[in-house]
C-alpha atoms as a PDB file:
ATOM      1  CA  MET A   1      26.468  -2.089 -60.235  1.00  0.00           C
ATOM      2  CA  SER A   2      23.523   0.127 -59.325  1.00  0.00           C
ATOM      3  CA  VAL A   3      22.594   2.146 -56.255  1.00  0.00           C
ATOM      4  CA  PHE A   4      21.748  -1.089 -54.518  1.00  0.00           C
ATOM      5  CA  PRO A   5      24.814  -2.597 -52.845  1.00  0.00           C
ATOM      6  CA  ASP A   6      25.982  -6.177 -53.203  1.00  0.00           C
ATOM      7  CA  LEU A   7      23.632  -8.778 -51.782  1.00  0.00           C
ATOM      8  CA  ILE A   8      22.598  -8.577 -48.141  1.00  0.00           C
ATOM      9  CA  ARG A   9      22.213 -12.129 -46.898  1.00  0.00           C
ATOM     10  CA  GLY A  10      20.400 -13.675 -43.974  1.00  0.00           C
ATOM     11  CA  SER A  11      17.783 -16.177 -42.924  1.00  0.00           C
ATOM     12  CA  CYS A  12      14.092 -15.483 -43.407  1.00  0.00           C
ATOM     13  CA  ALA A  13      11.845 -17.294 -40.973  1.00  0.00           C
ATOM     14  CA  VAL A  14       8.939 -14.825 -41.205  1.00  0.00           C
ATOM     15  CA  LEU A  15       7.739 -13.274 -44.449  1.00  0.00           C
ATOM     16  CA  GLN A  16       4.664 -11.409 -43.230  1.00  0.00           C
ATOM     17  CA  SER A  17       5.238  -7.742 -42.516  1.00  0.00           C
ATOM     18  CA  PRO A  18       3.464  -5.504 -40.004  1.00  0.00           C
ATOM     19  CA  ASP A  19       1.469  -2.816 -41.735  1.00  0.00           C
ATOM     20  CA  PRO A  20       3.635   0.322 -42.017  1.00  0.00           C
ATOM     21  CA  ALA A  21       0.464   2.377 -42.376  1.00  0.00           C
ATOM     22  CA  ARG A  22      -0.452   1.365 -38.786  1.00  0.00           C
ATOM     23  CA  GLY A  23       2.963   2.249 -37.429  1.00  0.00           C
ATOM     24  CA  GLY A  24       4.458  -1.243 -37.599  1.00  0.00           C
ATOM     25  CA  GLY A  25       8.071  -0.704 -36.613  1.00  0.00           C
ATOM     26  CA  GLY A  26       9.348  -3.986 -35.244  1.00  0.00           C
ATOM     27  CA  ASN A  27      11.439  -3.172 -32.177  1.00  0.00           C
ATOM     28  CA  SER A  28      11.482   0.594 -32.652  1.00  0.00           C
ATOM     29  CA  LYS A  29      11.138   2.394 -29.307  1.00  0.00           C
ATOM     30  CA  THR A  30       9.896   5.713 -30.695  1.00  0.00           C
ATOM     31  CA  THR A  31       6.334   6.760 -29.883  1.00  0.00           C
ATOM     32  CA  ASN A  32       6.059  10.282 -31.336  1.00  0.00           C
ATOM     33  CA  GLY A  33       6.312   9.363 -35.011  1.00  0.00           C
ATOM     34  CA  GLU A  34       9.803  10.816 -35.368  1.00  0.00           C
ATOM     35  CA  LEU A  35      12.709   8.561 -36.291  1.00  0.00           C
ATOM     36  CA  ASP A  36      15.457   8.086 -33.736  1.00  0.00           C
ATOM     37  CA  PHE A  37      18.629   7.678 -35.804  1.00  0.00           C
ATOM     38  CA  ALA A  38      20.476   6.413 -32.722  1.00  0.00           C
ATOM     39  CA  ASP A  39      18.151   3.373 -32.723  1.00  0.00           C
ATOM     40  CA  PRO A  40      19.248   0.528 -35.067  1.00  0.00           C
ATOM     41  CA  TYR A  41      15.619  -0.473 -35.686  1.00  0.00           C
ATOM     42  CA  ASP A  42      14.619   3.010 -36.816  1.00  0.00           C
ATOM     43  CA  ASN A  43      17.688   2.946 -39.055  1.00  0.00           C
ATOM     44  CA  LEU A  44      16.514  -0.358 -40.544  1.00  0.00           C
ATOM     45  CA  TYR A  45      13.013   0.976 -41.164  1.00  0.00           C
ATOM     46  CA  ALA A  46      14.344   4.137 -42.861  1.00  0.00           C
ATOM     47  CA  PHE A  47      16.929   2.184 -44.865  1.00  0.00           C
ATOM     48  CA  GLY A  48      14.272  -0.163 -46.298  1.00  0.00           C
ATOM     49  CA  LYS A  49      12.013   2.746 -47.209  1.00  0.00           C
ATOM     50  CA  LEU A  50      14.866   4.678 -48.849  1.00  0.00           C
ATOM     51  CA  TRP A  51      16.599   1.929 -50.857  1.00  0.00           C
ATOM     52  CA  ALA A  52      13.373   0.126 -51.721  1.00  0.00           C
ATOM     53  CA  CYS A  53       9.705   0.514 -50.736  1.00  0.00           C
ATOM     54  CA  TYR A  54       7.196  -1.278 -48.508  1.00  0.00           C
ATOM     55  CA  ASP A  55       4.602  -1.289 -51.285  1.00  0.00           C
ATOM     56  CA  ASP A  56       3.051  -4.272 -53.088  1.00  0.00           C
ATOM     57  CA  GLN A  57       4.822  -3.220 -56.297  1.00  0.00           C
ATOM     58  CA  PRO A  58       8.522  -2.463 -56.731  1.00  0.00           C
ATOM     59  CA  CYS A  59       9.961   1.003 -57.014  1.00  0.00           C
ATOM     60  CA  TYR A  60      12.368   1.575 -59.919  1.00  0.00           C
ATOM     61  CA  PRO A  61      15.235   3.937 -59.023  1.00  0.00           C
ATOM     62  CA  ALA A  62      17.558   4.656 -61.930  1.00  0.00           C
ATOM     63  CA  PHE A  63      21.090   5.947 -62.456  1.00  0.00           C
ATOM     64  CA  ASP A  64      23.133   7.471 -65.272  1.00  0.00           C
ATOM     65  CA  GLY A  65      26.574   9.032 -65.627  1.00  0.00           C
ATOM     66  CA  VAL A  66      30.021   8.775 -67.182  1.00  0.00           C
ATOM     67  CA  LEU A  67      32.958   6.395 -66.630  1.00  0.00           C
ATOM     68  CA  TYR A  68      36.518   7.677 -67.066  1.00  0.00           C
ATOM     69  CA  ALA A  69      39.895   5.987 -67.552  1.00  0.00           C
ATOM     70  CA  MET A  70      42.535   6.779 -64.920  1.00  0.00           C
ATOM     71  CA  VAL A  71      46.051   5.996 -66.206  1.00  0.00           C
ATOM     72  CA  GLY A  72      49.018   7.169 -64.158  1.00  0.00           C
ATOM     73  CA  ASP A  73      49.153  10.959 -63.945  1.00  0.00           C
ATOM     74  CA  GLN A  74      47.411  11.422 -67.270  1.00  0.00           C
ATOM     75  CA  ARG A  75      44.302  13.529 -67.638  1.00  0.00           C
ATOM     76  CA  LEU A  76      41.182  11.405 -67.057  1.00  0.00           C
ATOM     77  CA  ARG A  77      39.686  10.168 -70.313  1.00  0.00           C
ATOM     78  CA  PRO A  78      35.902   9.725 -70.752  1.00  0.00           C
ATOM     79  CA  LEU A  79      35.094   6.193 -71.930  1.00  0.00           C
ATOM     80  CA  PHE A  80      31.334   5.612 -72.027  1.00  0.00           C
ATOM     81  CA  ARG A  81      28.178   6.195 -70.028  1.00  0.00           C
ATOM     82  CA  TYR A  82      27.147   3.878 -67.201  1.00  0.00           C
ATOM     83  CA  CYS A  83      23.380   3.642 -66.725  1.00  0.00           C
ATOM     84  CA  GLY A  84      20.677   1.349 -65.458  1.00  0.00           C
ATOM     85  CA  PHE A  85      18.045   0.802 -62.797  1.00  0.00           C
ATOM     86  CA  GLY A  86      16.782  -1.599 -60.178  1.00  0.00           C
ATOM     87  CA  GLY A  87      13.352  -2.842 -59.148  1.00  0.00           C
ATOM     88  CA  PHE A  88      13.280  -3.168 -55.332  1.00  0.00           C
ATOM     89  CA  GLN A  89      10.880  -4.050 -52.532  1.00  0.00           C
ATOM     90  CA  ALA A  90      11.242  -4.359 -48.756  1.00  0.00           C
ATOM     91  CA  ARG A  91       9.314  -6.044 -45.945  1.00  0.00           C
ATOM     92  CA  LEU A  92       9.461  -4.900 -42.346  1.00  0.00           C
ATOM     93  CA  LEU A  93       9.454  -8.071 -40.253  1.00  0.00           C
ATOM     94  CA  PRO A  94       7.942  -8.380 -36.752  1.00  0.00           C
ATOM     95  CA  SER A  95      11.508  -8.692 -35.421  1.00  0.00           C
ATOM     96  CA  GLY A  96      12.306  -5.241 -36.771  1.00  0.00           C
ATOM     97  CA  ASN A  97      14.614  -6.694 -39.419  1.00  0.00           C
ATOM     98  CA  VAL A  98      14.087  -5.688 -43.041  1.00  0.00           C
ATOM     99  CA  ARG A  99      13.766  -8.212 -45.835  1.00  0.00           C
ATOM    100  CA  LEU A 100      14.862  -7.008 -49.304  1.00  0.00           C
ATOM    101  CA  ARG A 101      14.428  -8.326 -52.813  1.00  0.00           C
ATOM    102  CA  GLY A 102      15.125  -6.923 -56.231  1.00  0.00           C
ATOM    103  CA  LYS A 103      16.647  -7.012 -59.690  1.00  0.00           C
ATOM    104  CA  GLU A 104      19.052  -4.614 -61.378  1.00  0.00           C
ATOM    105  CA  VAL A 105      20.669  -3.884 -64.735  1.00  0.00           C
ATOM    106  CA  GLY A 106      23.828  -1.930 -65.489  1.00  0.00           C
ATOM    107  CA  TYR A 107      24.532  -0.930 -69.095  1.00  0.00           C
ATOM    108  CA  PHE A 108      27.382   0.802 -70.897  1.00  0.00           C
ATOM    109  CA  ALA A 109      26.259   3.429 -73.392  1.00  0.00           C
ATOM    110  CA  ASP A 110      27.667   5.689 -76.085  1.00  0.00           C
ATOM    111  CA  LEU A 111      28.863   9.044 -74.755  1.00  0.00           C
ATOM    112  CA  ALA A 112      27.264  11.083 -77.542  1.00  0.00           C
ATOM    113  CA  THR A 113      23.994   9.289 -78.217  1.00  0.00           C
ATOM    114  CA  GLY A 114      23.205   7.399 -75.023  1.00  0.00           C
ATOM    115  CA  GLU A 115      22.521   4.249 -77.058  1.00  0.00           C
ATOM    116  CA  ILE A 116      23.354   1.026 -75.205  1.00  0.00           C
ATOM    117  CA  LEU A 117      26.641  -0.437 -76.439  1.00  0.00           C
ATOM    118  CA  GLU A 118      27.001  -4.022 -77.566  1.00  0.00           C
ATOM    119  CA  HIS A 119      30.509  -3.571 -79.021  1.00  0.00           C
ATOM    120  CA  TRP A 120      33.261  -1.090 -78.211  1.00  0.00           C
ATOM    121  CA  LYS A 121      36.607  -0.305 -79.840  1.00  0.00           C
ATOM    122  CA  ASN A 122      39.358  -0.277 -77.242  1.00  0.00           C
ATOM    123  CA  PRO A 123      41.533   2.808 -77.943  1.00  0.00           C
ATOM    124  CA  TRP A 124      44.622   1.268 -76.325  1.00  0.00           C
ATOM    125  CA  THR A 125      44.606  -2.137 -78.025  1.00  0.00           C
ATOM    126  CA  GLY A 126      42.682  -1.295 -81.210  1.00  0.00           C
ATOM    127  CA  GLU A 127      40.509  -4.373 -80.589  1.00  0.00           C
ATOM    128  CA  THR A 128      36.733  -4.221 -80.957  1.00  0.00           C
ATOM    129  CA  VAL A 129      35.336  -6.108 -77.979  1.00  0.00           C
ATOM    130  CA  GLU A 130      31.916  -7.378 -76.996  1.00  0.00           C
ATOM    131  CA  VAL A 131      30.431  -5.335 -74.162  1.00  0.00           C
ATOM    132  CA  PHE A 132      29.334  -7.301 -71.104  1.00  0.00           C
ATOM    133  CA  ASN A 133      26.300  -5.496 -69.702  1.00  0.00           C
ATOM    134  CA  PHE A 134      25.480  -6.533 -66.135  1.00  0.00           C
ATOM    135  CA  LEU A 135      22.209  -8.264 -65.209  1.00  0.00           C
ATOM    136  CA  ASN A 136      21.443  -9.386 -61.657  1.00  0.00           C
ATOM    137  CA  ASP A 137      18.046 -10.849 -60.773  1.00  0.00           C
ATOM    138  CA  ARG A 138      18.957 -12.394 -57.391  1.00  0.00           C
ATOM    139  CA  ILE A 139      19.165  -9.484 -54.960  1.00  0.00           C
ATOM    140  CA  ARG A 140      17.696 -11.069 -51.855  1.00  0.00           C
ATOM    141  CA  GLY A 141      18.451 -10.930 -48.169  1.00  0.00           C
ATOM    142  CA  GLU A 142      17.718  -9.623 -44.714  1.00  0.00           C
ATOM    143  CA  VAL A 143      19.210  -6.607 -42.959  1.00  0.00           C
ATOM    144  CA  THR A 144      19.605  -6.956 -39.185  1.00  0.00           C
ATOM    145  CA  PRO A 145      20.504  -4.549 -36.339  1.00  0.00           C
ATOM    146  CA  THR A 146      24.189  -5.342 -37.016  1.00  0.00           C
ATOM    147  CA  MET A 147      26.044  -3.582 -39.837  1.00  0.00           C
ATOM    148  CA  PRO A 148      26.400  -5.980 -42.797  1.00  0.00           C
ATOM    149  CA  ARG A 149      29.719  -7.560 -43.739  1.00  0.00           C
ATOM    150  CA  PHE A 150      29.929  -9.006 -47.257  1.00  0.00           C
ATOM    151  CA  ALA A 151      32.043 -12.085 -47.843  1.00  0.00           C
ATOM    152  CA  MET A 152      33.179 -11.769 -51.448  1.00  0.00           C
ATOM    153  CA  GLY A 153      35.763 -13.880 -53.245  1.00  0.00           C
ATOM    154  CA  GLU A 154      37.157 -17.024 -51.675  1.00  0.00           C
ATOM    155  CA  ALA A 155      37.806 -18.345 -48.177  1.00  0.00           C
ATOM    156  CA  GLY A 156      40.428 -16.165 -46.566  1.00  0.00           C
ATOM    157  CA  ASP A 157      39.411 -12.965 -48.323  1.00  0.00           C
ATOM    158  CA  THR A 158      38.565 -10.285 -45.782  1.00  0.00           C
ATOM    159  CA  PRO A 159      34.809  -9.476 -45.658  1.00  0.00           C
ATOM    160  CA  THR A 160      33.755  -5.907 -46.421  1.00  0.00           C
ATOM    161  CA  LEU A 161      32.230  -3.913 -43.566  1.00  0.00           C
ATOM    162  CA  MET A 162      29.653  -1.539 -45.008  1.00  0.00           C
ATOM    163  CA  ASN A 163      30.136   2.147 -44.212  1.00  0.00           C
ATOM    164  CA  GLU A 164      33.495   1.404 -42.620  1.00  0.00           C
ATOM    165  CA  ALA A 165      34.406   5.094 -42.310  1.00  0.00           C
ATOM    166  CA  THR A 166      31.428   5.876 -40.061  1.00  0.00           C
ATOM    167  CA  ALA A 167      30.667   2.457 -38.520  1.00  0.00           C
ATOM    168  CA  LEU A 168      30.329   2.584 -34.738  1.00  0.00           C
ATOM    169  CA  VAL A 169      31.727  -0.193 -32.557  1.00  0.00           C
ATOM    170  CA  ASP A 170      30.074  -0.757 -29.171  1.00  0.00           C
ATOM    171  CA  GLU A 171      31.737  -1.941 -25.956  1.00  0.00           C
ATOM    172  CA  GLU A 172      31.254  -5.585 -27.027  1.00  0.00           C
ATOM    173  CA  GLY A 173      32.977  -5.075 -30.380  1.00  0.00           C
ATOM    174  CA  ILE A 174      29.693  -5.138 -32.345  1.00  0.00           C
ATOM    175  CA  CYS A 175      28.853  -2.636 -35.100  1.00  0.00           C
ATOM    176  CA  PRO A 176      25.167  -1.718 -34.738  1.00  0.00           C
ATOM    177  CA  PHE A 177      23.185  -0.748 -37.844  1.00  0.00           C
ATOM    178  CA  ILE A 178      23.448   2.986 -37.244  1.00  0.00           C
ATOM    179  CA  LEU A 179      23.968   5.116 -40.347  1.00  0.00           C
ATOM    180  CA  PRO A 180      25.462   8.619 -40.650  1.00  0.00           C
ATOM    181  CA  TRP A 181      22.198  10.482 -41.252  1.00  0.00           C
ATOM    182  CA  ARG A 182      22.374  14.274 -41.123  1.00  0.00           C
ATOM    183  CA  ARG A 183      19.193  16.326 -40.864  1.00  0.00           C
ATOM    184  CA  ILE A 184      18.897  19.896 -42.148  1.00  0.00           C
ATOM    185  CA  ASN A 185      15.321  21.172 -41.730  1.00  0.00           C
ATOM    186  CA  ASP A 186      13.223  18.687 -43.744  1.00  0.00           C
ATOM    187  CA  ARG A 187      16.217  17.351 -45.680  1.00  0.00           C
ATOM    188  CA  VAL A 188      18.045  14.217 -44.615  1.00  0.00           C
ATOM    189  CA  LEU A 189      21.509  13.467 -45.981  1.00  0.00           C
ATOM    190  CA  LEU A 190      23.024   9.985 -45.905  1.00  0.00           C
ATOM    191  CA  GLU A 191      26.418   8.562 -46.894  1.00  0.00           C
ATOM    192  CA  TRP A 192      26.721   4.890 -47.896  1.00  0.00           C
ATOM    193  CA  ASP A 193      29.981   3.237 -48.978  1.00  0.00           C
ATOM    194  CA  TYR A 194      31.602  -0.105 -49.576  1.00  0.00           C
ATOM    195  CA  THR A 195      35.227  -0.810 -50.443  1.00  0.00           C
ATOM    196  CA  HIS A 196      35.942  -4.379 -51.560  1.00  0.00           C
ATOM    197  CA  ARG A 197      39.193  -6.239 -52.066  1.00  0.00           C
ATOM    198  CA  TYR A 198      39.010  -9.918 -52.898  1.00  0.00           C
ATOM    199  CA  ARG A 199      40.380 -12.630 -55.164  1.00  0.00           C
ATOM    200  CA  ASN A 200      39.497 -11.993 -58.798  1.00  0.00           C
ATOM    201  CA  PRO A 201      36.998 -14.547 -60.174  1.00  0.00           C
ATOM    202  CA  VAL A 202      38.313 -13.694 -63.665  1.00  0.00           C
ATOM    203  CA  THR A 203      41.673 -15.344 -63.089  1.00  0.00           C
ATOM    204  CA  PRO A 204      44.803 -14.496 -65.104  1.00  0.00           C
ATOM    205  CA  ALA A 205      45.337 -18.206 -65.807  1.00  0.00           C
ATOM    206  CA  LYS A 206      41.967 -18.675 -67.545  1.00  0.00           C
ATOM    207  CA  TRP A 207      41.317 -15.165 -68.898  1.00  0.00           C
ATOM    208  CA  PRO A 208      44.763 -13.612 -69.541  1.00  0.00           C
ATOM    209  CA  LYS A 209      43.317 -10.759 -71.632  1.00  0.00           C
ATOM    210  CA  ALA A 210      40.270 -10.057 -69.474  1.00  0.00           C
ATOM    211  CA  SER A 211      41.959 -10.372 -66.074  1.00  0.00           C
ATOM    212  CA  THR A 212      43.759  -7.461 -64.459  1.00  0.00           C
ATOM    213  CA  GLY A 213      45.389  -9.614 -61.801  1.00  0.00           C
ATOM    214  CA  GLU A 214      44.879 -11.880 -58.820  1.00  0.00           C
ATOM    215  CA  PHE A 215      42.851  -9.367 -56.787  1.00  0.00           C
ATOM    216  CA  ILE A 216      40.230  -6.707 -57.554  1.00  0.00           C
ATOM    217  CA  ASN A 217      39.221  -3.732 -55.402  1.00  0.00           C
ATOM    218  CA  PRO A 218      36.012  -2.090 -56.668  1.00  0.00           C
ATOM    219  CA  SER A 219      34.301   0.432 -54.425  1.00  0.00           C
ATOM    220  CA  GLU A 220      31.081   2.442 -54.623  1.00  0.00           C
ATOM    221  CA  HIS A 221      30.067   5.598 -52.784  1.00  0.00           C
ATOM    222  CA  PHE A 222      26.616   7.175 -52.428  1.00  0.00           C
ATOM    223  CA  THR A 223      25.306  10.481 -51.068  1.00  0.00           C
ATOM    224  CA  PHE A 224      21.526  10.482 -50.607  1.00  0.00           C
ATOM    225  CA  PHE A 225      19.172  13.442 -50.166  1.00  0.00           C
ATOM    226  CA  ALA A 226      15.664  12.640 -48.924  1.00  0.00           C
ATOM    227  CA  SER A 227      12.716  14.117 -47.046  1.00  0.00           C
ATOM    228  CA  ALA A 228      12.641  13.650 -43.261  1.00  0.00           C
ATOM    229  CA  ARG A 229       8.854  13.886 -43.384  1.00  0.00           C
ATOM    230  CA  GLN A 230       8.563  11.056 -45.936  1.00  0.00           C
ATOM    231  CA  LEU A 231      11.012   8.868 -44.026  1.00  0.00           C
ATOM    232  CA  SER A 232       9.233   9.199 -40.684  1.00  0.00           C
ATOM    233  CA  ASP A 233       5.651   8.971 -42.007  1.00  0.00           C
ATOM    234  CA  ARG A 234       4.601   5.358 -41.330  1.00  0.00           C
ATOM    235  CA  GLY A 235       1.675   5.769 -43.703  1.00  0.00           C
ATOM    236  CA  ASN A 236       4.049   6.494 -46.559  1.00  0.00           C
ATOM    237  CA  LEU A 237       5.373   3.257 -48.066  1.00  0.00           C
ATOM    238  CA  SER A 238       8.347   4.815 -49.863  1.00  0.00           C
ATOM    239  CA  ALA A 239      10.692   7.787 -49.604  1.00  0.00           C
ATOM    240  CA  ASP A 240      11.887   9.640 -52.705  1.00  0.00           C
ATOM    241  CA  TYR A 241      15.552  10.468 -53.072  1.00  0.00           C
ATOM    242  CA  THR A 242      18.135  12.084 -55.280  1.00  0.00           C
ATOM    243  CA  CYS A 243      21.624  10.669 -55.040  1.00  0.00           C
ATOM    244  CA  GLY A 244      25.193  11.230 -56.122  1.00  0.00           C
ATOM    245  CA  PHE A 245      26.892   7.945 -56.978  1.00  0.00           C
ATOM    246  CA  SER A 246      30.566   7.308 -57.741  1.00  0.00           C
ATOM    247  CA  ARG A 247      32.661   4.185 -58.180  1.00  0.00           C
ATOM    248  CA  ILE A 248      36.254   3.193 -58.857  1.00  0.00           C
ATOM    249  CA  GLY A 249      37.610  -0.188 -59.858  1.00  0.00           C
ATOM    250  CA  PRO A 250      39.969  -2.065 -62.171  1.00  0.00           C
ATOM    251  CA  TRP A 251      39.426  -2.181 -65.912  1.00  0.00           C
ATOM    252  CA  TRP A 252      36.200  -4.055 -66.585  1.00  0.00           C
ATOM    253  CA  PRO A 253      37.080  -7.602 -67.754  1.00  0.00           C
ATOM    254  CA  TRP A 254      35.202  -7.198 -71.040  1.00  0.00           C
ATOM    255  CA  MET A 255      37.597  -4.348 -71.981  1.00  0.00           C
ATOM    256  CA  ARG A 256      40.336  -7.034 -72.322  1.00  0.00           C
ATOM    257  CA  MET A 257      43.094  -4.884 -70.873  1.00  0.00           C
ATOM    258  CA  GLY A 258      44.929  -7.661 -69.028  1.00  0.00           C
ATOM    259  CA  GLN A 259      47.816  -7.877 -71.506  1.00  0.00           C
ATOM    260  CA  SER A 260      47.643  -4.299 -72.770  1.00  0.00           C
ATOM    261  CA  GLY A 261      50.521  -3.079 -70.639  1.00  0.00           C
ATOM    262  CA  VAL A 262      48.336  -0.129 -69.611  1.00  0.00           C
ATOM    263  CA  GLY A 263      47.830  -0.044 -65.878  1.00  0.00           C
ATOM    264  CA  GLY A 264      44.876   1.959 -64.729  1.00  0.00           C
ATOM    265  CA  HIS A 265      41.415   2.134 -63.182  1.00  0.00           C
ATOM    266  CA  VAL A 266      37.907   3.130 -64.183  1.00  0.00           C
ATOM    267  CA  PHE A 267      36.360   6.002 -62.249  1.00  0.00           C
ATOM    268  CA  GLY A 268      32.691   6.914 -62.567  1.00  0.00           C
ATOM    269  CA  ARG A 269      30.409   9.696 -61.437  1.00  0.00           C
ATOM    270  CA  MET A 270      26.692   9.174 -61.756  1.00  0.00           C
ATOM    271  CA  HIS A 271      23.429  10.568 -60.453  1.00  0.00           C
ATOM    272  CA  SER A 272      20.467   8.511 -59.283  1.00  0.00           C
ATOM    273  CA  ILE A 273      16.815   9.226 -58.585  1.00  0.00           C
ATOM    274  CA  LYS A 274      13.859   7.451 -57.035  1.00  0.00           C
ATOM    275  CA  THR A 275      10.337   8.880 -57.107  1.00  0.00           C
ATOM    276  CA  ASN A 276       8.310   5.642 -56.928  1.00  0.00           C
ATOM    277  CA  SER A 277       6.499   6.671 -60.100  1.00  0.00           C
ATOM    278  CA  GLY A 278       6.662   3.500 -62.162  1.00  0.00           C
ATOM    279  CA  PHE A 279       9.281   3.546 -64.899  1.00  0.00           C
ATOM    280  CA  GLU A 280       9.438   7.342 -65.204  1.00  0.00           C
ATOM    281  CA  ASP A 281      12.882   7.636 -63.601  1.00  0.00           C
ATOM    282  CA  ILE A 282      14.448   5.255 -66.144  1.00  0.00           C
ATOM    283  CA  SER A 283      16.072   6.967 -69.139  1.00  0.00           C
ATOM    284  CA  PRO A 284      14.343   6.327 -72.509  1.00  0.00           C
ATOM    285  CA  HIS A 285      17.362   4.496 -73.999  1.00  0.00           C
ATOM    286  CA  VAL A 286      17.638   2.191 -70.979  1.00  0.00           C
ATOM    287  CA  LEU A 287      13.910   1.525 -70.839  1.00  0.00           C
ATOM    288  CA  ALA A 288      13.614   0.791 -74.577  1.00  0.00           C
ATOM    289  CA  TYR A 289      16.638  -1.521 -74.573  1.00  0.00           C
ATOM    290  CA  THR A 290      15.330  -3.406 -71.530  1.00  0.00           C
ATOM    291  CA  GLU A 291      11.835  -3.769 -72.965  1.00  0.00           C
ATOM    292  CA  LYS A 292      13.334  -5.272 -76.137  1.00  0.00           C
ATOM    293  CA  HIS A 293      16.106  -7.469 -74.716  1.00  0.00           C
ATOM    294  CA  HIS A 294      15.448  -8.072 -70.996  1.00  0.00           C
ATOM    295  CA  PRO A 295      11.748  -7.408 -70.255  1.00  0.00           C
ATOM    296  CA  GLN A 296      11.818  -9.715 -67.210  1.00  0.00           C
ATOM    297  CA  PHE A 297      13.738  -6.994 -65.335  1.00  0.00           C
ATOM    298  CA  LEU A 298      10.670  -4.769 -65.534  1.00  0.00           C
ATOM    299  CA  GLU A 299       8.578  -7.384 -63.740  1.00  0.00           C
ATOM    300  CA  PRO A 300       8.334  -7.837 -59.938  1.00  0.00           C
ATOM    301  CA  CYS A 301      10.246 -10.580 -58.151  1.00  0.00           C
ATOM    302  CA  THR A 302       8.177 -13.611 -57.191  1.00  0.00           C
ATOM    303  CA  ASP A 303      10.077 -14.885 -54.126  1.00  0.00           C
ATOM    304  CA  TRP A 304      11.676 -13.661 -50.906  1.00  0.00           C
ATOM    305  CA  ASP A 305      14.319 -16.378 -50.741  1.00  0.00           C
ATOM    306  CA  ASP A 306      17.979 -15.789 -50.011  1.00  0.00           C
ATOM    307  CA  GLY A 307      20.128 -15.006 -53.022  1.00  0.00           C
ATOM    308  CA  VAL A 308      23.752 -15.546 -53.917  1.00  0.00           C
ATOM    309  CA  PRO A 309      26.038 -12.497 -53.977  1.00  0.00           C
ATOM    310  CA  ILE A 310      27.233 -11.723 -57.473  1.00  0.00           C
ATOM    311  CA  GLY A 311      29.142  -8.847 -58.974  1.00  0.00           C
ATOM    312  CA  THR A 312      30.227  -8.039 -62.511  1.00  0.00           C
ATOM    313  CA  TRP A 313      33.419 -10.073 -62.281  1.00  0.00           C
ATOM    314  CA  GLU A 314      31.568 -13.100 -60.875  1.00  0.00           C
ATOM    315  CA  ALA A 315      28.954 -12.876 -63.636  1.00  0.00           C
ATOM    316  CA  TYR A 316      31.646 -12.569 -66.307  1.00  0.00           C
ATOM    317  CA  ALA A 317      33.479 -15.645 -64.996  1.00  0.00           C
ATOM    318  CA  ARG A 318      30.228 -17.629 -65.028  1.00  0.00           C
ATOM    319  CA  GLU A 319      29.026 -16.618 -68.464  1.00  0.00           C
ATOM    320  CA  VAL A 320      32.128 -15.999 -70.586  1.00  0.00           C
ATOM    321  CA  PRO A 321      34.156 -19.124 -71.531  1.00  0.00           C
ATOM    322  CA  PRO A 322      37.841 -19.073 -70.516  1.00  0.00           C
ATOM    323  CA  GLU A 323      40.247 -17.788 -73.171  1.00  0.00           C
ATOM    324  CA  VAL A 324      42.673 -20.684 -72.594  1.00  0.00           C
END
């Protein structure tokens, strides 16, 4: 998955946004142009501008890095690159909520050349497997003044509270949408995390080689660096960022490690960037591969409807026929 988290869901009764250039801020109480990071509505406004943009065209933040195998107490082993991008937009609603839409791609690439992989030889099993690159065109939803909880998996699986480590609980037991921003002069730092655990859509009964077990527990962790001036300027429709991005999770299902006897995880460290300058942040290999094979992901979304949350395991279970 990319720098954009799993789907944020909600209803969307109003699709027209106040004009950010005229200071439209929903229910924000600030009057001096500065953002009040203790105010959930200012947090929503800044979040939409950072992750996406309030412009008529999407911004295209991109990411790239390396995934490693973690097996017992062995030295971590580099596997392949993990790279991709998203095309995101936001709307600031009169309520102060933020409506989001977007598409994203996540590819696996050769360590040496950066070329996108379509097949990969598994060093533990000796099997050459087909790589399952991730495509998600249904990122849709609405962020509200309450911190999102994502219901992944099946009924009974515990929803994921975003930013659990820094989430604040008020006297009524509600987590307001207040993020752990830290300002240093004109720089703003932000942490964003999610840690899932839910029933594996790639079940051991149907995909004995692809499945690593009944449950999966992928997590992703982001550290953003942005400009306080860009974030607070209501005439600026987007805020640039640089970002450190890491993730850890079970073996990807397409690696077919379920019956390998090798227990382990995949750890990744990536960097991400957003400058709102068209496709310039996307690496040449990723851009060329997308233009050839998936050009629709370089086009804007055409609706603001709600989407359906989907991750790599859900997509694999939908698109790859069961083994048995």
